[in-house]
Amino acid sequence: MRALFAALAGLIFGVGLTISEMVNPAKVLAFLDVFSGAWDPSLMFVMGAGVVVYAVGYQLITRRNAPLVAPSFSLPTANQIDPPLIGGAVLFGAGWGLVGLCPGPAYSALGLGGAPLLIFMAAVVVGMLAFEWLWTPLQNRASA
C-alpha cells in the first residue's frame, strides 16, 4: 500500500511539473532572468502554490498520531542552517540557473527524451554517488 501511495504522489507531482512547464528549461530560465526584459513570472505562482500546499499539508499531518500507511511520521528534525545546507543550496541554485532544470522536473521530463536531458540526469547520478563517496568518510572522521 505504501508503494501505491508513493507512486500516486510521484505521478501527481510529475503531472503538476509538466502542466506548469517546469520541465521546460527555456521557461525556467526565462523566470530566472529577471533583468532581461523578457522575464516570465508565471513560475512564481507555481512555487507559491507548492508552498501553500506544503504548509497546509504539514499542519494537517502534525495533528495526526500516525500516517495512513506507516507506523510513524518521518519528519525532518534539523532546524539549523549549516554549511552542508548552504553548500547544497548553492549547488542546486547554480545548476538550476545554468541548465534550467532541477532533478524533479528532469526526472519528469525523461519521457520526452533528448541527449541533453540524459546527460543532465547522468550528472545528477554521478553527483549523488560522489556525495556518498566523499561525505560518508568525512562524517565518520568527524564523529570519531
Protein backbone atom coordinates (compact mmCIF):
# COMPACT_ATOMS: atom_id res chain seq x y z
CA MET A 1 0.00 0.00 0.00
CA ARG A 2 2.91 2.37 0.77
CA ALA A 3 4.34 1.84 -2.70
CA LEU A 4 0.96 2.61 -4.27
CA PHE A 5 0.64 5.88 -2.34
CA ALA A 6 4.25 6.80 -3.18
CA ALA A 7 3.67 6.09 -6.88
CA LEU A 8 0.46 8.11 -6.86
CA ALA A 9 2.18 11.06 -5.14
CA GLY A 10 5.03 10.88 -7.66
CA LEU A 11 2.60 10.75 -10.56
CA ILE A 12 0.69 13.77 -9.29
CA PHE A 13 3.96 15.64 -8.73
CA GLY A 14 5.23 14.80 -12.22
CA VAL A 15 1.96 15.78 -13.88
CA GLY A 16 1.98 19.06 -11.97
CA LEU A 17 5.55 19.80 -13.06
CA THR A 18 4.66 19.03 -16.66
CA ILE A 19 1.45 21.11 -16.69
CA SER A 20 3.26 24.05 -15.08
CA GLU A 21 6.05 23.70 -17.67
CA MET A 22 8.76 23.38 -15.03
CA VAL A 23 10.13 20.60 -17.24
CA ASN A 24 10.84 23.20 -19.93
CA PRO A 25 14.34 24.66 -19.35
CA ALA A 26 13.57 27.71 -21.52
CA LYS A 27 10.56 28.57 -19.33
CA VAL A 28 12.60 28.16 -16.14
CA LEU A 29 15.50 30.24 -17.48
CA ALA A 30 13.04 32.97 -18.55
CA PHE A 31 11.74 33.01 -14.97
CA LEU A 32 15.25 33.27 -13.53
CA ASP A 33 16.31 36.03 -15.96
CA VAL A 34 14.72 38.96 -14.12
CA PHE A 35 16.74 41.74 -15.78
CA SER A 36 16.48 40.84 -19.49
CA GLY A 37 13.12 42.45 -20.14
CA ALA A 38 11.67 39.07 -21.10
CA TRP A 39 11.08 37.90 -17.51
CA ASP A 40 8.35 35.26 -17.17
CA PRO A 41 6.92 35.43 -13.61
CA SER A 42 4.45 32.57 -14.10
CA LEU A 43 6.58 30.01 -12.25
CA MET A 44 6.40 32.21 -9.15
CA PHE A 45 2.75 31.18 -8.88
CA VAL A 46 3.70 27.51 -9.27
CA MET A 47 6.22 27.80 -6.44
CA GLY A 48 3.80 29.82 -4.31
CA ALA A 49 1.10 27.20 -4.77
CA GLY A 50 3.60 24.50 -3.78
CA VAL A 51 4.49 26.37 -0.60
CA VAL A 52 0.81 26.79 0.30
CA VAL A 53 0.02 23.11 -0.31
CA TYR A 54 3.03 22.07 1.76
CA ALA A 55 2.14 24.43 4.63
CA VAL A 56 -1.46 23.19 4.78
CA GLY A 57 -0.40 19.56 4.46
CA TYR A 58 2.21 19.92 7.19
CA GLN A 59 -0.35 21.41 9.55
CA LEU A 60 -2.75 18.57 8.81
CA ILE A 61 -0.27 15.73 9.28
CA THR A 62 1.18 17.07 12.51
CA ARG A 63 -2.28 16.81 14.06
CA ARG A 64 -2.43 13.05 13.36
CA ASN A 65 -0.88 10.36 15.52
CA ALA A 66 0.47 8.39 12.56
CA PRO A 67 0.30 8.40 8.76
CA LEU A 68 -2.18 6.21 6.92
CA VAL A 69 0.33 3.69 5.59
CA ALA A 70 3.29 3.79 8.00
CA PRO A 71 3.76 3.22 11.71
CA SER A 72 5.13 6.74 12.33
CA PHE A 73 5.99 10.00 10.62
CA SER A 74 9.46 10.67 9.21
CA LEU A 75 9.54 14.42 9.65
CA PRO A 76 12.72 16.49 9.36
CA THR A 77 14.37 17.24 12.68
CA ALA A 78 17.12 19.64 11.58
CA ASN A 79 16.35 23.27 12.37
CA GLN A 80 19.71 24.97 11.82
CA ILE A 81 21.35 26.46 8.78
CA ASP A 82 24.70 24.71 8.49
CA PRO A 83 27.47 24.56 5.85
CA PRO A 84 26.13 21.41 4.14
CA LEU A 85 22.72 23.06 3.75
CA ILE A 86 24.27 26.23 2.32
CA GLY A 87 26.56 24.26 0.01
CA GLY A 88 23.69 22.14 -1.24
CA ALA A 89 21.52 25.19 -1.83
CA VAL A 90 24.32 26.92 -3.76
CA LEU A 91 24.95 23.85 -5.92
CA PHE A 92 21.24 23.35 -6.53
CA GLY A 93 20.70 27.01 -7.43
CA ALA A 94 23.75 27.16 -9.68
CA GLY A 95 22.69 24.02 -11.54
CA TRP A 96 19.13 25.24 -11.88
CA GLY A 97 20.27 28.64 -13.14
CA LEU A 98 22.79 27.26 -15.61
CA VAL A 99 20.69 24.46 -17.08
CA GLY A 100 17.08 25.41 -16.31
CA LEU A 101 16.36 22.04 -14.73
CA CYS A 102 16.49 20.51 -11.30
CA PRO A 103 16.23 16.78 -10.58
CA GLY A 104 12.44 16.59 -10.06
CA PRO A 105 11.41 18.21 -13.35
CA ALA A 106 14.26 16.48 -15.18
CA TYR A 107 13.06 13.09 -13.97
CA SER A 108 9.52 14.02 -15.04
CA ALA A 109 10.78 15.05 -18.47
CA LEU A 110 12.71 11.83 -19.11
CA GLY A 111 9.82 10.58 -21.21
CA LEU A 112 10.43 13.47 -23.60
CA GLY A 113 13.93 12.15 -24.26
CA GLY A 114 16.83 14.01 -25.74
CA ALA A 115 20.58 13.80 -25.18
CA PRO A 116 20.88 16.97 -23.04
CA LEU A 117 18.34 15.61 -20.58
CA LEU A 118 20.06 12.24 -20.39
CA ILE A 119 23.42 13.94 -19.83
CA PHE A 120 21.89 16.07 -17.06
CA MET A 121 20.39 13.04 -15.32
CA ALA A 122 23.71 11.17 -15.63
CA ALA A 123 25.41 14.15 -13.98
CA VAL A 124 22.82 14.07 -11.18
CA VAL A 125 23.52 10.39 -10.55
CA VAL A 126 27.31 10.96 -10.63
CA GLY A 127 26.89 13.87 -8.20
CA MET A 128 24.85 11.75 -5.79
CA LEU A 129 27.42 8.93 -5.92
CA ALA A 130 30.28 11.41 -5.44
CA PHE A 131 28.50 12.87 -2.42
CA GLU A 132 28.13 9.43 -0.84
CA TRP A 133 31.72 8.58 -1.65
CA LEU A 134 33.10 11.83 -0.16
CA TRP A 135 30.62 12.75 2.57
CA THR A 136 30.30 9.44 4.42
CA PRO A 137 34.06 9.16 5.17
CA LEU A 138 34.12 12.83 6.28
CA GLN A 139 31.18 12.22 8.62
CA ASN A 140 32.85 9.07 10.02
CA ARG A 141 36.07 11.01 10.69
CA ALA A 142 34.18 13.86 12.34
CA SER A 143 32.33 11.52 14.70
CA ALA A 144 35.45 9.51 15.62
